């Protein structure tokens, strides 16, 4: 059996992703501090060196079941949280269909993979963006400030295009390009 619950505590002192969840209809009379810790059931992991880690926050809605739930009466001292649902309004506006895959944090950091539109996008809350376009092979980097690329060694080649001011007319030409080679000075 699965039960709906609301996260009342998300600060696990053991750092294991456990939550204190108010299970509707089962823990109604409990104080938050008396709720048992619900262990997570996560899709990937099993070691501290890798895995999936996205823990709901206080106030989020989660699904709960119980360890040893082999009969119709659950052992309410051993809860496990197994997932979430969109309990506060609609899903993220980026979710258009089942070919859109998102990881979005509460602060607005976003990884958006679109199989039908053919892109991978990483965006931060300030609007900085890295966009990979599958079909035309472009990678677009947008930044509100400077873009820094740092590495031990590297090659950078390509054609830089931009508007150029004509020295004769003083008007921009859009068909200007220049080859640039970067090297250590």
C-alpha atoms as a PDB file:
ATOM      1  CA  UNK A   1       0.000   0.000   0.000  1.00  0.00           C
ATOM      2  CA  UNK A   2       1.100   3.536  -0.719  1.00  0.00           C
ATOM      3  CA  UNK A   3       0.228   6.557   1.389  1.00  0.00           C
ATOM      4  CA  UNK A   4       0.368  10.268   0.692  1.00  0.00           C
ATOM      5  CA  UNK A   5       2.456  12.391   2.981  1.00  0.00           C
ATOM      6  CA  UNK A   6       3.865  15.860   3.504  1.00  0.00           C
ATOM      7  CA  UNK A   7       7.528  16.388   4.431  1.00  0.00           C
ATOM      8  CA  UNK A   8       7.799  17.998   7.865  1.00  0.00           C
ATOM      9  CA  UNK A   9      11.574  17.637   8.348  1.00  0.00           C
ATOM     10  CA  UNK A  10      14.271  17.337   5.679  1.00  0.00           C
ATOM     11  CA  UNK A  11      17.423  17.872   7.769  1.00  0.00           C
ATOM     12  CA  UNK A  12      18.580  14.288   8.335  1.00  0.00           C
ATOM     13  CA  UNK A  13      21.282  14.334  11.049  1.00  0.00           C
ATOM     14  CA  UNK A  14      22.855  11.230   9.455  1.00  0.00           C
ATOM     15  CA  UNK A  15      22.923  12.790   5.954  1.00  0.00           C
ATOM     16  CA  UNK A  16      21.218   9.757   4.401  1.00  0.00           C
ATOM     17  CA  UNK A  17      18.269  11.498   2.717  1.00  0.00           C
ATOM     18  CA  UNK A  18      15.784  10.434   5.369  1.00  0.00           C
ATOM     19  CA  UNK A  19      12.666  12.539   5.902  1.00  0.00           C
ATOM     20  CA  UNK A  20      10.107  12.993   8.638  1.00  0.00           C
ATOM     21  CA  UNK A  21       6.803  12.686   6.800  1.00  0.00           C
ATOM     22  CA  UNK A  22       3.297  13.374   8.058  1.00  0.00           C
ATOM     23  CA  UNK A  23       1.462  10.413   6.525  1.00  0.00           C
ATOM     24  CA  UNK A  24      -2.134  11.515   6.066  1.00  0.00           C
ATOM     25  CA  UNK A  25      -4.451   9.403   8.211  1.00  0.00           C
ATOM     26  CA  UNK A  26      -1.667   7.530  10.063  1.00  0.00           C
ATOM     27  CA  UNK A  27       0.465  10.141  11.835  1.00  0.00           C
ATOM     28  CA  UNK A  28      -2.174  12.804  12.424  1.00  0.00           C
ATOM     29  CA  UNK A  29      -1.643  13.010  16.216  1.00  0.00           C
ATOM     30  CA  UNK A  30       2.156  12.907  16.214  1.00  0.00           C
ATOM     31  CA  UNK A  31       4.394  15.907  16.913  1.00  0.00           C
ATOM     32  CA  UNK A  32       7.000  16.423  14.173  1.00  0.00           C
ATOM     33  CA  UNK A  33       9.871  15.413  16.469  1.00  0.00           C
ATOM     34  CA  UNK A  34       8.059  12.116  17.233  1.00  0.00           C
ATOM     35  CA  UNK A  35       7.612  11.107  13.583  1.00  0.00           C
ATOM     36  CA  UNK A  36       9.875   8.204  12.541  1.00  0.00           C
ATOM     37  CA  UNK A  37      12.561   8.849   9.928  1.00  0.00           C
ATOM     38  CA  UNK A  38      11.528   7.552   6.504  1.00  0.00           C
ATOM     39  CA  UNK A  39      14.438   6.110   4.520  1.00  0.00           C
ATOM     40  CA  UNK A  40      14.661   6.957   0.793  1.00  0.00           C
ATOM     41  CA  UNK A  41      14.152   4.508  -2.051  1.00  0.00           C
ATOM     42  CA  UNK A  42      16.233   6.128  -4.816  1.00  0.00           C
ATOM     43  CA  UNK A  43      16.535   4.963  -8.449  1.00  0.00           C
ATOM     44  CA  UNK A  44      20.342   4.772  -8.565  1.00  0.00           C
ATOM     45  CA  UNK A  45      22.921   4.304  -5.833  1.00  0.00           C
ATOM     46  CA  UNK A  46      23.963   1.787  -3.247  1.00  0.00           C
ATOM     47  CA  UNK A  47      27.341   3.353  -2.533  1.00  0.00           C
ATOM     48  CA  UNK A  48      28.522   6.714  -1.304  1.00  0.00           C
ATOM     49  CA  UNK A  49      30.614   7.150  -4.472  1.00  0.00           C
ATOM     50  CA  UNK A  50      27.822   7.500  -7.039  1.00  0.00           C
ATOM     51  CA  UNK A  51      24.070   7.666  -7.447  1.00  0.00           C
ATOM     52  CA  UNK A  52      21.033   9.878  -7.708  1.00  0.00           C
ATOM     53  CA  UNK A  53      20.504  12.489  -4.993  1.00  0.00           C
ATOM     54  CA  UNK A  54      17.490  14.761  -5.028  1.00  0.00           C
ATOM     55  CA  UNK A  55      15.792  14.989  -1.645  1.00  0.00           C
ATOM     56  CA  UNK A  56      12.377  16.668  -1.227  1.00  0.00           C
ATOM     57  CA  UNK A  57      12.154  19.790   0.915  1.00  0.00           C
ATOM     58  CA  UNK A  58       9.984  20.581   3.900  1.00  0.00           C
ATOM     59  CA  UNK A  59       6.410  21.054   2.652  1.00  0.00           C
ATOM     60  CA  UNK A  60       6.835  18.835  -0.426  1.00  0.00           C
ATOM     61  CA  UNK A  61       4.466  15.932  -1.066  1.00  0.00           C
ATOM     62  CA  UNK A  62       5.793  12.357  -1.111  1.00  0.00           C
ATOM     63  CA  UNK A  63       4.558   8.792  -1.438  1.00  0.00           C
ATOM     64  CA  UNK A  64       5.292   6.530   1.540  1.00  0.00           C
ATOM     65  CA  UNK A  65       5.148   2.786   2.117  1.00  0.00           C
ATOM     66  CA  UNK A  66       6.497   0.676   4.963  1.00  0.00           C
ATOM     67  CA  UNK A  67       9.184  -1.985   5.387  1.00  0.00           C
ATOM     68  CA  UNK A  68       7.822  -5.448   6.063  1.00  0.00           C
ATOM     69  CA  UNK A  69       4.411  -4.462   4.674  1.00  0.00           C
ATOM     70  CA  UNK A  70       3.489  -8.083   3.913  1.00  0.00           C
ATOM     71  CA  UNK A  71      -0.020  -7.929   5.303  1.00  0.00           C
ATOM     72  CA  UNK A  72      -2.746  -5.322   5.236  1.00  0.00           C
ATOM     73  CA  UNK A  73      -1.554  -3.689   8.476  1.00  0.00           C
ATOM     74  CA  UNK A  74       1.594  -1.595   7.859  1.00  0.00           C
ATOM     75  CA  UNK A  75       4.465  -1.390  10.358  1.00  0.00           C
ATOM     76  CA  UNK A  76       4.250   2.377  10.784  1.00  0.00           C
ATOM     77  CA  UNK A  77       7.553   2.452  12.702  1.00  0.00           C
ATOM     78  CA  UNK A  78       9.509   1.679   9.481  1.00  0.00           C
ATOM     79  CA  UNK A  79       8.444   4.153   6.768  1.00  0.00           C
ATOM     80  CA  UNK A  80      10.234   4.562   3.431  1.00  0.00           C
ATOM     81  CA  UNK A  81       9.573   7.383   0.990  1.00  0.00           C
ATOM     82  CA  UNK A  82       9.468   6.198  -2.608  1.00  0.00           C
ATOM     83  CA  UNK A  83       8.722   9.231  -4.745  1.00  0.00           C
ATOM     84  CA  UNK A  84       6.844  12.478  -5.129  1.00  0.00           C
ATOM     85  CA  UNK A  85       3.988  13.996  -7.071  1.00  0.00           C
ATOM     86  CA  UNK A  86       3.219  17.516  -8.214  1.00  0.00           C
ATOM     87  CA  UNK A  87       1.057  18.549  -5.301  1.00  0.00           C
ATOM     88  CA  UNK A  88       1.242  22.316  -5.673  1.00  0.00           C
ATOM     89  CA  UNK A  89      -0.224  23.269  -9.027  1.00  0.00           C
ATOM     90  CA  UNK A  90       1.037  22.059 -12.369  1.00  0.00           C
ATOM     91  CA  UNK A  91       4.368  20.487 -13.337  1.00  0.00           C
ATOM     92  CA  UNK A  92       7.187  22.719 -14.520  1.00  0.00           C
ATOM     93  CA  UNK A  93       6.326  24.816 -17.587  1.00  0.00           C
ATOM     94  CA  UNK A  94       9.243  23.185 -19.455  1.00  0.00           C
ATOM     95  CA  UNK A  95       7.404  19.836 -19.305  1.00  0.00           C
ATOM     96  CA  UNK A  96       5.538  19.621 -22.615  1.00  0.00           C
ATOM     97  CA  UNK A  97       5.406  15.859 -23.208  1.00  0.00           C
ATOM     98  CA  UNK A  98       7.133  12.607 -22.314  1.00  0.00           C
ATOM     99  CA  UNK A  99      10.068  13.440 -24.597  1.00  0.00           C
ATOM    100  CA  UNK A 100      11.142  16.271 -22.286  1.00  0.00           C
ATOM    101  CA  UNK A 101      13.464  15.343 -19.399  1.00  0.00           C
ATOM    102  CA  UNK A 102      14.194  17.823 -16.619  1.00  0.00           C
ATOM    103  CA  UNK A 103      16.183  18.220 -13.479  1.00  0.00           C
ATOM    104  CA  UNK A 104      15.181  21.482 -11.825  1.00  0.00           C
ATOM    105  CA  UNK A 105      16.287  22.665  -8.402  1.00  0.00           C
ATOM    106  CA  UNK A 106      14.193  24.827  -6.074  1.00  0.00           C
ATOM    107  CA  UNK A 107      16.479  27.818  -6.772  1.00  0.00           C
ATOM    108  CA  UNK A 108      15.881  27.541 -10.538  1.00  0.00           C
ATOM    109  CA  UNK A 109      18.966  25.702 -11.839  1.00  0.00           C
ATOM    110  CA  UNK A 110      17.800  23.584 -14.770  1.00  0.00           C
ATOM    111  CA  UNK A 111      19.053  20.735 -16.954  1.00  0.00           C
ATOM    112  CA  UNK A 112      16.586  20.246 -19.823  1.00  0.00           C
ATOM    113  CA  UNK A 113      16.966  17.455 -22.385  1.00  0.00           C
ATOM    114  CA  UNK A 114      14.505  17.466 -25.286  1.00  0.00           C
ATOM    115  CA  UNK A 115      14.454  14.381 -27.487  1.00  0.00           C
ATOM    116  CA  UNK A 116      11.757  15.755 -29.807  1.00  0.00           C
ATOM    117  CA  UNK A 117      13.232  19.269 -30.224  1.00  0.00           C
ATOM    118  CA  UNK A 118      16.822  17.972 -30.253  1.00  0.00           C
ATOM    119  CA  UNK A 119      18.637  19.960 -27.589  1.00  0.00           C
ATOM    120  CA  UNK A 120      20.348  19.786 -24.224  1.00  0.00           C
ATOM    121  CA  UNK A 121      20.188  22.966 -22.175  1.00  0.00           C
ATOM    122  CA  UNK A 122      21.734  23.952 -18.842  1.00  0.00           C
ATOM    123  CA  UNK A 123      20.434  27.211 -17.348  1.00  0.00           C
ATOM    124  CA  UNK A 124      21.067  28.963 -14.042  1.00  0.00           C
ATOM    125  CA  UNK A 125      18.650  31.341 -12.269  1.00  0.00           C
ATOM    126  CA  UNK A 126      20.539  34.363 -13.683  1.00  0.00           C
ATOM    127  CA  UNK A 127      19.852  33.343 -17.288  1.00  0.00           C
ATOM    128  CA  UNK A 128      23.353  32.036 -18.069  1.00  0.00           C
ATOM    129  CA  UNK A 129      22.965  29.154 -20.490  1.00  0.00           C
ATOM    130  CA  UNK A 130      24.785  26.368 -22.312  1.00  0.00           C
ATOM    131  CA  UNK A 131      22.799  24.997 -25.255  1.00  0.00           C
ATOM    132  CA  UNK A 132      23.742  21.984 -27.368  1.00  0.00           C
ATOM    133  CA  UNK A 133      21.744  21.699 -30.606  1.00  0.00           C
ATOM    134  CA  UNK A 134      21.828  18.130 -31.889  1.00  0.00           C
ATOM    135  CA  UNK A 135      20.717  18.645 -35.483  1.00  0.00           C
ATOM    136  CA  UNK A 136      23.052  21.439 -36.543  1.00  0.00           C
ATOM    137  CA  UNK A 137      25.890  20.529 -34.164  1.00  0.00           C
ATOM    138  CA  UNK A 138      26.055  23.945 -32.492  1.00  0.00           C
ATOM    139  CA  UNK A 139      27.002  24.685 -28.921  1.00  0.00           C
ATOM    140  CA  UNK A 140      25.803  28.071 -27.702  1.00  0.00           C
ATOM    141  CA  UNK A 141      27.112  29.659 -24.503  1.00  0.00           C
ATOM    142  CA  UNK A 142      25.258  32.704 -23.163  1.00  0.00           C
ATOM    143  CA  UNK A 143      26.591  34.599 -20.176  1.00  0.00           C
ATOM    144  CA  UNK A 144      25.594  37.797 -18.428  1.00  0.00           C
ATOM    145  CA  UNK A 145      29.277  38.501 -17.775  1.00  0.00           C
ATOM    146  CA  UNK A 146      32.530  37.047 -19.051  1.00  0.00           C
ATOM    147  CA  UNK A 147      33.046  33.472 -20.273  1.00  0.00           C
ATOM    148  CA  UNK A 148      36.197  31.769 -19.012  1.00  0.00           C
ATOM    149  CA  UNK A 149      37.633  28.583 -20.489  1.00  0.00           C
ATOM    150  CA  UNK A 150      40.485  27.110 -18.474  1.00  0.00           C
ATOM    151  CA  UNK A 151      42.548  24.048 -19.210  1.00  0.00           C
ATOM    152  CA  UNK A 152      46.093  22.741 -19.160  1.00  0.00           C
ATOM    153  CA  UNK A 153      46.351  22.852 -22.947  1.00  0.00           C
ATOM    154  CA  UNK A 154      43.823  23.166 -25.706  1.00  0.00           C
ATOM    155  CA  UNK A 155      43.149  24.014 -29.297  1.00  0.00           C
ATOM    156  CA  UNK A 156      40.547  26.492 -30.411  1.00  0.00           C
ATOM    157  CA  UNK A 157      39.869  27.011 -34.084  1.00  0.00           C
ATOM    158  CA  UNK A 158      37.043  28.370 -36.150  1.00  0.00           C
ATOM    159  CA  UNK A 159      35.843  31.479 -37.912  1.00  0.00           C
ATOM    160  CA  UNK A 160      34.677  34.437 -35.869  1.00  0.00           C
ATOM    161  CA  UNK A 161      31.845  36.381 -37.498  1.00  0.00           C
ATOM    162  CA  UNK A 162      30.542  39.747 -36.386  1.00  0.00           C
ATOM    163  CA  UNK A 163      29.329  43.090 -37.633  1.00  0.00           C
ATOM    164  CA  UNK A 164      32.160  45.286 -38.861  1.00  0.00           C
ATOM    165  CA  UNK A 165      32.034  49.056 -39.229  1.00  0.00           C
ATOM    166  CA  UNK A 166      33.065  50.029 -42.758  1.00  0.00           C
ATOM    167  CA  UNK A 167      35.906  52.576 -42.656  1.00  0.00           C
ATOM    168  CA  UNK A 168      34.490  54.292 -45.770  1.00  0.00           C
ATOM    169  CA  UNK A 169      30.755  54.547 -45.029  1.00  0.00           C
ATOM    170  CA  UNK A 170      30.753  54.273 -41.217  1.00  0.00           C
ATOM    171  CA  UNK A 171      27.936  51.687 -41.467  1.00  0.00           C
ATOM    172  CA  UNK A 172      28.031  48.056 -40.302  1.00  0.00           C
ATOM    173  CA  UNK A 173      28.746  45.196 -42.690  1.00  0.00           C
ATOM    174  CA  UNK A 174      27.259  41.871 -41.605  1.00  0.00           C
ATOM    175  CA  UNK A 175      29.419  39.755 -43.916  1.00  0.00           C
ATOM    176  CA  UNK A 176      32.657  40.341 -42.072  1.00  0.00           C
ATOM    177  CA  UNK A 177      34.708  37.447 -40.693  1.00  0.00           C
ATOM    178  CA  UNK A 178      38.166  36.971 -39.308  1.00  0.00           C
ATOM    179  CA  UNK A 179      40.238  33.895 -38.545  1.00  0.00           C
ATOM    180  CA  UNK A 180      41.563  33.899 -35.010  1.00  0.00           C
ATOM    181  CA  UNK A 181      44.335  31.764 -33.590  1.00  0.00           C
ATOM    182  CA  UNK A 182      44.942  31.859 -29.873  1.00  0.00           C
ATOM    183  CA  UNK A 183      48.288  30.974 -28.378  1.00  0.00           C
ATOM    184  CA  UNK A 184      50.322  31.567 -25.272  1.00  0.00           C
ATOM    185  CA  UNK A 185      51.836  35.054 -25.374  1.00  0.00           C
END
